[in-house]
Amino acid sequence: MSSRRSRQASSSSRISDDQITDLISKLRQSIPEIRQNRRSSTVSASKVLQETCNYIRNLHKEADDLSDRLSQLLETIDPNSPQAAIIRSLINE
């Protein structure tokens, strides 16, 4: 009886093929490298996922780079100035 329950529980938490197709389609529209491709609808799901991972990695890198630049800027201004407070709030978000 417990194996039947676990199968029912796992099948209810599974995502359907239609949902996967819909999510891949949304990713195609969200990732600039794919969206700019004239044949974006023919890009395979695995390519969409690869490009999505690359895009997220690049966003993380850009965020880290911006944080570093803000930290460097913060070192060059008066720590009690309103600008320093704004920079600190941006770094801590």
PDB file of N, CA and C in Angstrom:
ATOM      1  N   MET A   1       0.808  -1.201   0.000  1.00  0.00           N
ATOM      2  CA  MET A   1       0.000   0.000   0.000  1.00  0.00           C
ATOM      3  C   MET A   1       0.853   1.267   0.000  1.00  0.00           C
ATOM      4  N   SER A   2       1.960   1.246   0.709  1.00  0.00           N
ATOM      5  CA  SER A   2       2.790   2.441   0.767  1.00  0.00           C
ATOM      6  C   SER A   2       3.439   2.739  -0.582  1.00  0.00           C
ATOM      7  N   SER A   3       3.799   1.704  -1.354  1.00  0.00           N
ATOM      8  CA  SER A   3       4.389   1.950  -2.669  1.00  0.00           C
ATOM      9  C   SER A   3       3.366   2.585  -3.604  1.00  0.00           C
ATOM     10  N   ARG A   4       2.110   2.220  -3.451  1.00  0.00           N
ATOM     11  CA  ARG A   4       1.059   2.817  -4.257  1.00  0.00           C
ATOM     12  C   ARG A   4       0.928   4.299  -3.930  1.00  0.00           C
ATOM     13  N   ARG A   5       0.980   4.633  -2.641  1.00  0.00           N
ATOM     14  CA  ARG A   5       0.894   6.038  -2.234  1.00  0.00           C
ATOM     15  C   ARG A   5       2.075   6.835  -2.770  1.00  0.00           C
ATOM     16  N   SER A   6       3.272   6.264  -2.687  1.00  0.00           N
ATOM     17  CA  SER A   6       4.444   6.992  -3.160  1.00  0.00           C
ATOM     18  C   SER A   6       4.375   7.211  -4.666  1.00  0.00           C
ATOM     19  N   ARG A   7       3.859   6.244  -5.407  1.00  0.00           N
ATOM     20  CA  ARG A   7       3.701   6.423  -6.849  1.00  0.00           C
ATOM     21  C   ARG A   7       2.690   7.518  -7.143  1.00  0.00           C
ATOM     22  N   GLN A   8       1.596   7.534  -6.374  1.00  0.00           N
ATOM     23  CA  GLN A   8       0.594   8.568  -6.576  1.00  0.00           C
ATOM     24  C   GLN A   8       1.163   9.936  -6.227  1.00  0.00           C
ATOM     25  N   ALA A   9       1.921  10.014  -5.157  1.00  0.00           N
ATOM     26  CA  ALA A   9       2.503  11.286  -4.746  1.00  0.00           C
ATOM     27  C   ALA A   9       3.508  11.774  -5.779  1.00  0.00           C
ATOM     28  N   SER A  10       4.349  10.869  -6.283  1.00  0.00           N
ATOM     29  CA  SER A  10       5.345  11.297  -7.264  1.00  0.00           C
ATOM     30  C   SER A  10       4.699  11.666  -8.592  1.00  0.00           C
ATOM     31  N   SER A  11       3.642  10.979  -8.976  1.00  0.00           N
ATOM     32  CA  SER A  11       2.995  11.314 -10.243  1.00  0.00           C
ATOM     33  C   SER A  11       2.242  12.632 -10.141  1.00  0.00           C
ATOM     34  N   SER A  12       1.745  12.978  -8.963  1.00  0.00           N
ATOM     35  CA  SER A  12       1.042  14.248  -8.824  1.00  0.00           C
ATOM     36  C   SER A  12       2.013  15.422  -8.802  1.00  0.00           C
ATOM     37  N   SER A  13       3.280  15.183  -8.455  1.00  0.00           N
ATOM     38  CA  SER A  13       4.258  16.263  -8.432  1.00  0.00           C
ATOM     39  C   SER A  13       5.017  16.376  -9.754  1.00  0.00           C
ATOM     40  N   ARG A  14       4.800  15.473 -10.668  1.00  0.00           N
ATOM     41  CA  ARG A  14       5.469  15.520 -11.966  1.00  0.00           C
ATOM     42  C   ARG A  14       4.862  16.626 -12.817  1.00  0.00           C
ATOM     43  N   ILE A  15       5.699  17.143 -13.670  1.00  0.00           N
ATOM     44  CA  ILE A  15       5.259  18.189 -14.592  1.00  0.00           C
ATOM     45  C   ILE A  15       4.880  17.524 -15.916  1.00  0.00           C
ATOM     46  N   SER A  16       3.829  17.990 -16.515  1.00  0.00           N
ATOM     47  CA  SER A  16       3.349  17.368 -17.750  1.00  0.00           C
ATOM     48  C   SER A  16       4.189  17.823 -18.945  1.00  0.00           C
ATOM     49  N   ASP A  17       4.101  17.059 -20.030  1.00  0.00           N
ATOM     50  CA  ASP A  17       4.809  17.416 -21.257  1.00  0.00           C
ATOM     51  C   ASP A  17       4.353  18.779 -21.779  1.00  0.00           C
ATOM     52  N   ASP A  18       3.055  19.059 -21.651  1.00  0.00           N
ATOM     53  CA  ASP A  18       2.532  20.353 -22.093  1.00  0.00           C
ATOM     54  C   ASP A  18       3.119  21.496 -21.266  1.00  0.00           C
ATOM     55  N   GLN A  19       3.267  21.262 -19.965  1.00  0.00           N
ATOM     56  CA  GLN A  19       3.848  22.295 -19.108  1.00  0.00           C
ATOM     57  C   GLN A  19       5.316  22.525 -19.470  1.00  0.00           C
ATOM     58  N   ILE A  20       6.043  21.454 -19.748  1.00  0.00           N
ATOM     59  CA  ILE A  20       7.451  21.584 -20.148  1.00  0.00           C
ATOM     60  C   ILE A  20       7.539  22.366 -21.456  1.00  0.00           C
ATOM     61  N   THR A  21       6.703  22.033 -22.409  1.00  0.00           N
ATOM     62  CA  THR A  21       6.687  22.731 -23.691  1.00  0.00           C
ATOM     63  C   THR A  21       6.406  24.213 -23.496  1.00  0.00           C
ATOM     64  N   ASP A  22       5.453  24.517 -22.622  1.00  0.00           N
ATOM     65  CA  ASP A  22       5.107  25.907 -22.345  1.00  0.00           C
ATOM     66  C   ASP A  22       6.272  26.644 -21.683  1.00  0.00           C
ATOM     67  N   LEU A  23       6.943  25.991 -20.744  1.00  0.00           N
ATOM     68  CA  LEU A  23       8.075  26.618 -20.062  1.00  0.00           C
ATOM     69  C   LEU A  23       9.248  26.856 -21.018  1.00  0.00           C
ATOM     70  N   ILE A  24       9.512  25.904 -21.887  1.00  0.00           N
ATOM     71  CA  ILE A  24      10.583  26.064 -22.886  1.00  0.00           C
ATOM     72  C   ILE A  24      10.244  27.227 -23.816  1.00  0.00           C
ATOM     73  N   SER A  25       8.989  27.327 -24.187  1.00  0.00           N
ATOM     74  CA  SER A  25       8.555  28.425 -25.046  1.00  0.00           C
ATOM     75  C   SER A  25       8.761  29.771 -24.347  1.00  0.00           C
ATOM     76  N   LYS A  26       8.453  29.839 -23.076  1.00  0.00           N
ATOM     77  CA  LYS A  26       8.659  31.078 -22.313  1.00  0.00           C
ATOM     78  C   LYS A  26      10.138  31.420 -22.209  1.00  0.00           C
ATOM     79  N   LEU A  27      10.980  30.403 -22.021  1.00  0.00           N
ATOM     80  CA  LEU A  27      12.420  30.643 -21.990  1.00  0.00           C
ATOM     81  C   LEU A  27      12.913  31.160 -23.336  1.00  0.00           C
ATOM     82  N   ARG A  28      12.403  30.598 -24.430  1.00  0.00           N
ATOM     83  CA  ARG A  28      12.785  31.051 -25.782  1.00  0.00           C
ATOM     84  C   ARG A  28      12.527  32.558 -25.925  1.00  0.00           C
ATOM     85  N   GLN A  29      11.409  33.006 -25.369  1.00  0.00           N
ATOM     86  CA  GLN A  29      11.032  34.415 -25.479  1.00  0.00           C
ATOM     87  C   GLN A  29      11.830  35.301 -24.520  1.00  0.00           C
ATOM     88  N   SER A  30      12.389  34.719 -23.464  1.00  0.00           N
ATOM     89  CA  SER A  30      13.059  35.498 -22.423  1.00  0.00           C
ATOM     90  C   SER A  30      14.554  35.654 -22.624  1.00  0.00           C
ATOM     91  N   ILE A  31      15.179  34.737 -23.317  1.00  0.00           N
ATOM     92  CA  ILE A  31      16.629  34.750 -23.460  1.00  0.00           C
ATOM     93  C   ILE A  31      16.994  35.512 -24.737  1.00  0.00           C
ATOM     94  N   PRO A  32      17.701  36.652 -24.597  1.00  0.00           N
ATOM     95  CA  PRO A  32      17.979  37.482 -25.772  1.00  0.00           C
ATOM     96  C   PRO A  32      18.678  36.748 -26.918  1.00  0.00           C
ATOM     97  N   GLU A  33      19.632  35.872 -26.593  1.00  0.00           N
ATOM     98  CA  GLU A  33      20.379  35.176 -27.637  1.00  0.00           C
ATOM     99  C   GLU A  33      19.463  34.299 -28.492  1.00  0.00           C
ATOM    100  N   ILE A  34      18.408  33.791 -27.907  1.00  0.00           N
ATOM    101  CA  ILE A  34      17.474  32.941 -28.649  1.00  0.00           C
ATOM    102  C   ILE A  34      16.397  33.796 -29.299  1.00  0.00           C
ATOM    103  N   ARG A  35      15.905  34.770 -28.550  1.00  0.00           N
ATOM    104  CA  ARG A  35      14.828  35.632 -29.049  1.00  0.00           C
ATOM    105  C   ARG A  35      15.248  36.350 -30.322  1.00  0.00           C
ATOM    106  N   GLN A  36      16.517  36.722 -30.434  1.00  0.00           N
ATOM    107  CA  GLN A  36      17.010  37.450 -31.606  1.00  0.00           C
ATOM    108  C   GLN A  36      17.185  36.545 -32.818  1.00  0.00           C
ATOM    109  N   ASN A  37      17.190  35.239 -32.590  1.00  0.00           N
ATOM    110  CA  ASN A  37      17.338  34.268 -33.675  1.00  0.00           C
ATOM    111  C   ASN A  37      16.024  34.213 -34.450  1.00  0.00           C
ATOM    112  N   ARG A  38      16.097  34.370 -35.756  1.00  0.00           N
ATOM    113  CA  ARG A  38      14.882  34.358 -36.583  1.00  0.00           C
ATOM    114  C   ARG A  38      14.149  33.022 -36.522  1.00  0.00           C
ATOM    115  N   ARG A  39      14.903  31.967 -36.253  1.00  0.00           N
ATOM    116  CA  ARG A  39      14.297  30.631 -36.193  1.00  0.00           C
ATOM    117  C   ARG A  39      14.244  30.125 -34.757  1.00  0.00           C
ATOM    118  N   SER A  40      13.903  31.000 -33.835  1.00  0.00           N
ATOM    119  CA  SER A  40      13.928  30.627 -32.416  1.00  0.00           C
ATOM    120  C   SER A  40      12.981  29.475 -32.104  1.00  0.00           C
ATOM    121  N   SER A  41      11.910  29.340 -32.862  1.00  0.00           N
ATOM    122  CA  SER A  41      10.969  28.255 -32.598  1.00  0.00           C
ATOM    123  C   SER A  41      11.534  26.889 -32.964  1.00  0.00           C
ATOM    124  N   THR A  42      12.617  26.873 -33.752  1.00  0.00           N
ATOM    125  CA  THR A  42      13.213  25.588 -34.139  1.00  0.00           C
ATOM    126  C   THR A  42      14.414  25.214 -33.265  1.00  0.00           C
ATOM    127  N   VAL A  43      14.783  26.080 -32.321  1.00  0.00           N
ATOM    128  CA  VAL A  43      15.891  25.780 -31.422  1.00  0.00           C
ATOM    129  C   VAL A  43      15.449  24.669 -30.474  1.00  0.00           C
ATOM    130  N   SER A  44      16.290  23.654 -30.317  1.00  0.00           N
ATOM    131  CA  SER A  44      15.924  22.502 -29.485  1.00  0.00           C
ATOM    132  C   SER A  44      15.802  22.899 -28.017  1.00  0.00           C
ATOM    133  N   ALA A  45      15.056  22.103 -27.284  1.00  0.00           N
ATOM    134  CA  ALA A  45      14.858  22.352 -25.855  1.00  0.00           C
ATOM    135  C   ALA A  45      16.192  22.303 -25.116  1.00  0.00           C
ATOM    136  N   SER A  46      17.064  21.376 -25.480  1.00  0.00           N
ATOM    137  CA  SER A  46      18.358  21.292 -24.801  1.00  0.00           C
ATOM    138  C   SER A  46      19.185  22.543 -25.062  1.00  0.00           C
ATOM    139  N   LYS A  47      19.124  23.079 -26.275  1.00  0.00           N
ATOM    140  CA  LYS A  47      19.840  24.319 -26.600  1.00  0.00           C
ATOM    141  C   LYS A  47      19.245  25.494 -25.811  1.00  0.00           C
ATOM    142  N   VAL A  48      17.939  25.513 -25.678  1.00  0.00           N
ATOM    143  CA  VAL A  48      17.282  26.569 -24.894  1.00  0.00           C
ATOM    144  C   VAL A  48      17.764  26.512 -23.447  1.00  0.00           C
ATOM    145  N   LEU A  49      17.837  25.311 -22.886  1.00  0.00           N
ATOM    146  CA  LEU A  49      18.296  25.161 -21.498  1.00  0.00           C
ATOM    147  C   LEU A  49      19.765  25.545 -21.361  1.00  0.00           C
ATOM    148  N   GLN A  50      20.597  25.167 -22.328  1.00  0.00           N
ATOM    149  CA  GLN A  50      22.013  25.551 -22.298  1.00  0.00           C
ATOM    150  C   GLN A  50      22.164  27.068 -22.347  1.00  0.00           C
ATOM    151  N   GLU A  51      21.454  27.701 -23.256  1.00  0.00           N
ATOM    152  CA  GLU A  51      21.522  29.157 -23.387  1.00  0.00           C
ATOM    153  C   GLU A  51      20.990  29.851 -22.143  1.00  0.00           C
ATOM    154  N   THR A  52      19.966  29.272 -21.529  1.00  0.00           N
ATOM    155  CA  THR A  52      19.410  29.836 -20.295  1.00  0.00           C
ATOM    156  C   THR A  52      20.452  29.787 -19.180  1.00  0.00           C
ATOM    157  N   CYS A  53      21.127  28.661 -19.050  1.00  0.00           N
ATOM    158  CA  CYS A  53      22.193  28.537 -18.033  1.00  0.00           C
ATOM    159  C   CYS A  53      23.315  29.535 -18.306  1.00  0.00           C
ATOM    160  N   ASN A  54      23.728  29.659 -19.560  1.00  0.00           N
ATOM    161  CA  ASN A  54      24.763  30.627 -19.912  1.00  0.00           C
ATOM    162  C   ASN A  54      24.327  32.052 -19.582  1.00  0.00           C
ATOM    163  N   TYR A  55      23.092  32.363 -19.896  1.00  0.00           N
ATOM    164  CA  TYR A  55      22.552  33.704 -19.647  1.00  0.00           C
ATOM    165  C   TYR A  55      22.545  34.011 -18.145  1.00  0.00           C
ATOM    166  N   ILE A  56      22.117  33.045 -17.338  1.00  0.00           N
ATOM    167  CA  ILE A  56      22.089  33.238 -15.887  1.00  0.00           C
ATOM    168  C   ILE A  56      23.509  33.403 -15.348  1.00  0.00           C
ATOM    169  N   ARG A  57      24.445  32.584 -15.832  1.00  0.00           N
ATOM    170  CA  ARG A  57      25.851  32.731 -15.415  1.00  0.00           C
ATOM    171  C   ARG A  57      26.378  34.127 -15.747  1.00  0.00           C
ATOM    172  N   ASN A  58      26.060  34.598 -16.948  1.00  0.00           N
ATOM    173  CA  ASN A  58      26.508  35.932 -17.351  1.00  0.00           C
ATOM    174  C   ASN A  58      25.883  37.020 -16.485  1.00  0.00           C
ATOM    175  N   LEU A  59      24.616  36.859 -16.137  1.00  0.00           N
ATOM    176  CA  LEU A  59      23.962  37.834 -15.260  1.00  0.00           C
ATOM    177  C   LEU A  59      24.633  37.865 -13.891  1.00  0.00           C
ATOM    178  N   HIS A  60      24.956  36.694 -13.362  1.00  0.00           N
ATOM    179  CA  HIS A  60      25.656  36.630 -12.068  1.00  0.00           C
ATOM    180  C   HIS A  60      27.011  37.327 -12.161  1.00  0.00           C
ATOM    181  N   LYS A  61      27.734  37.077 -13.246  1.00  0.00           N
ATOM    182  CA  LYS A  61      29.043  37.693 -13.427  1.00  0.00           C
ATOM    183  C   LYS A  61      28.909  39.212 -13.516  1.00  0.00           C
ATOM    184  N   GLU A  62      27.938  39.689 -14.278  1.00  0.00           N
ATOM    185  CA  GLU A  62      27.715  41.126 -14.392  1.00  0.00           C
ATOM    186  C   GLU A  62      27.363  41.737 -13.033  1.00  0.00           C
ATOM    187  N   ALA A  63      26.525  41.066 -12.265  1.00  0.00           N
ATOM    188  CA  ALA A  63      26.150  41.566 -10.938  1.00  0.00           C
ATOM    189  C   ALA A  63      27.372  41.632 -10.026  1.00  0.00           C
ATOM    190  N   ASP A  64      28.207  40.599 -10.070  1.00  0.00           N
ATOM    191  CA  ASP A  64      29.439  40.603  -9.269  1.00  0.00           C
ATOM    192  C   ASP A  64      30.370  41.733  -9.696  1.00  0.00           C
ATOM    193  N   ASP A  65      30.522  41.921 -11.000  1.00  0.00           N
ATOM    194  CA  ASP A  65      31.385  42.985 -11.517  1.00  0.00           C
ATOM    195  C   ASP A  65      30.870  44.364 -11.086  1.00  0.00           C
ATOM    196  N   LEU A  66      29.569  44.566 -11.171  1.00  0.00           N
ATOM    197  CA  LEU A  66      28.988  45.840 -10.751  1.00  0.00           C
ATOM    198  C   LEU A  66      29.172  46.070  -9.257  1.00  0.00           C
ATOM    199  N   SER A  67      29.018  45.017  -8.483  1.00  0.00           N
ATOM    200  CA  SER A  67      29.232  45.120  -7.040  1.00  0.00           C
ATOM    201  C   SER A  67      30.677  45.510  -6.736  1.00  0.00           C
ATOM    202  N   ASP A  68      31.615  44.904  -7.451  1.00  0.00           N
ATOM    203  CA  ASP A  68      33.032  45.250  -7.275  1.00  0.00           C
ATOM    204  C   ASP A  68      33.289  46.712  -7.636  1.00  0.00           C
ATOM    205  N   ARG A  69      32.705  47.150  -8.740  1.00  0.00           N
ATOM    206  CA  ARG A  69      32.888  48.542  -9.160  1.00  0.00           C
ATOM    207  C   ARG A  69      32.290  49.512  -8.148  1.00  0.00           C
ATOM    208  N   LEU A  70      31.135  49.159  -7.598  1.00  0.00           N
ATOM    209  CA  LEU A  70      30.528  50.013  -6.567  1.00  0.00           C
ATOM    210  C   LEU A  70      31.383  50.049  -5.307  1.00  0.00           C
ATOM    211  N   SER A  71      31.953  48.912  -4.947  1.00  0.00           N
ATOM    212  CA  SER A  71      32.850  48.856  -3.779  1.00  0.00           C
ATOM    213  C   SER A  71      34.064  49.751  -3.990  1.00  0.00           C
ATOM    214  N   GLN A  72      34.623  49.714  -5.193  1.00  0.00           N
ATOM    215  CA  GLN A  72      35.775  50.568  -5.500  1.00  0.00           C
ATOM    216  C   GLN A  72      35.388  52.047  -5.448  1.00  0.00           C
ATOM    217  N   LEU A  73      34.214  52.347  -5.973  1.00  0.00           N
ATOM    218  CA  LEU A  73      33.737  53.726  -5.943  1.00  0.00           C
ATOM    219  C   LEU A  73      33.525  54.187  -4.508  1.00  0.00           C
ATOM    220  N   LEU A  74      33.003  53.321  -3.689  1.00  0.00           N
ATOM    221  CA  LEU A  74      32.744  53.648  -2.285  1.00  0.00           C
ATOM    222  C   LEU A  74      34.027  54.015  -1.551  1.00  0.00           C
ATOM    223  N   GLU A  75      35.132  53.385  -1.937  1.00  0.00           N
ATOM    224  CA  GLU A  75      36.421  53.672  -1.301  1.00  0.00           C
ATOM    225  C   GLU A  75      36.941  55.065  -1.646  1.00  0.00           C
ATOM    226  N   THR A  76      36.415  55.673  -2.710  1.00  0.00           N
ATOM    227  CA  THR A  76      36.941  56.966  -3.163  1.00  0.00           C
ATOM    228  C   THR A  76      36.120  58.157  -2.686  1.00  0.00           C
ATOM    229  N   ILE A  77      35.002  57.912  -1.999  1.00  0.00           N
ATOM    230  CA  ILE A  77      34.164  59.035  -1.572  1.00  0.00           C
ATOM    231  C   ILE A  77      34.046  59.074  -0.054  1.00  0.00           C
ATOM    232  N   ASP A  78      33.534  60.181   0.436  1.00  0.00           N
ATOM    233  CA  ASP A  78      33.343  60.376   1.873  1.00  0.00           C
ATOM    234  C   ASP A  78      32.349  59.319   2.382  1.00  0.00           C
ATOM    235  N   PRO A  79      32.759  58.505   3.363  1.00  0.00           N
ATOM    236  CA  PRO A  79      31.888  57.427   3.851  1.00  0.00           C
ATOM    237  C   PRO A  79      30.601  57.912   4.515  1.00  0.00           C
ATOM    238  N   ASN A  80      30.554  59.185   4.894  1.00  0.00           N
ATOM    239  CA  ASN A  80      29.354  59.727   5.548  1.00  0.00           C
ATOM    240  C   ASN A  80      28.440  60.466   4.586  1.00  0.00           C
ATOM    241  N   SER A  81      28.789  60.501   3.318  1.00  0.00           N
ATOM    242  CA  SER A  81      27.992  61.243   2.338  1.00  0.00           C
ATOM    243  C   SER A  81      26.730  60.466   1.956  1.00  0.00           C
ATOM    244  N   PRO A  82      25.730  61.199   1.466  1.00  0.00           N
ATOM    245  CA  PRO A  82      24.501  60.526   0.988  1.00  0.00           C
ATOM    246  C   PRO A  82      24.795  59.544  -0.157  1.00  0.00           C
ATOM    247  N   GLN A  83      25.776  59.878  -0.997  1.00  0.00           N
ATOM    248  CA  GLN A  83      26.139  58.995  -2.104  1.00  0.00           C
ATOM    249  C   GLN A  83      26.680  57.666  -1.580  1.00  0.00           C
ATOM    250  N   ALA A  84      27.470  57.730  -0.511  1.00  0.00           N
ATOM    251  CA  ALA A  84      28.020  56.504   0.076  1.00  0.00           C
ATOM    252  C   ALA A  84      26.894  55.632   0.618  1.00  0.00           C
ATOM    253  N   ALA A  85      25.890  56.247   1.218  1.00  0.00           N
ATOM    254  CA  ALA A  85      24.749  55.483   1.740  1.00  0.00           C
ATOM    255  C   ALA A  85      24.004  54.780   0.604  1.00  0.00           C
ATOM    256  N   ILE A  86      23.844  55.482  -0.510  1.00  0.00           N
ATOM    257  CA  ILE A  86      23.164  54.884  -1.668  1.00  0.00           C
ATOM    258  C   ILE A  86      23.967  53.708  -2.203  1.00  0.00           C
ATOM    259  N   ILE A  87      25.275  53.887  -2.331  1.00  0.00           N
ATOM    260  CA  ILE A  87      26.139  52.821  -2.842  1.00  0.00           C
ATOM    261  C   ILE A  87      26.098  51.619  -1.909  1.00  0.00           C
ATOM    262  N   ARG A  88      26.175  51.877  -0.592  1.00  0.00           N
ATOM    263  CA  ARG A  88      26.115  50.745   0.366  1.00  0.00           C
ATOM    264  C   ARG A  88      24.787  50.004   0.239  1.00  0.00           C
ATOM    265  N   SER A  89      23.697  50.737   0.054  1.00  0.00           N
ATOM    266  CA  SER A  89      22.393  50.058  -0.090  1.00  0.00           C
ATOM    267  C   SER A  89      22.343  49.210  -1.364  1.00  0.00           C
ATOM    268  N   LEU A  90      22.977  49.682  -2.432  1.00  0.00           N
ATOM    269  CA  LEU A  90      23.008  48.908  -3.675  1.00  0.00           C
ATOM    270  C   LEU A  90      23.854  47.654  -3.523  1.00  0.00           C
ATOM    271  N   ILE A  91      24.965  47.765  -2.817  1.00  0.00           N
ATOM    272  CA  ILE A  91      25.847  46.615  -2.632  1.00  0.00           C
ATOM    273  C   ILE A  91      25.183  45.551  -1.760  1.00  0.00           C
ATOM    274  N   ASN A  92      24.411  45.987  -0.785  1.00  0.00           N
ATOM    275  CA  ASN A  92      23.817  45.037   0.161  1.00  0.00           C
ATOM    276  C   ASN A  92      22.518  44.421  -0.324  1.00  0.00           C
ATOM    277  N   GLU A  93      22.027  44.842  -1.472  1.00  0.00           N
ATOM    278  CA  GLU A  93      20.771  44.251  -1.978  1.00  0.00           C
ATOM    279  C   GLU A  93      21.000  42.961  -2.687  1.00  0.00           C
TER     280      GLU A  93
END
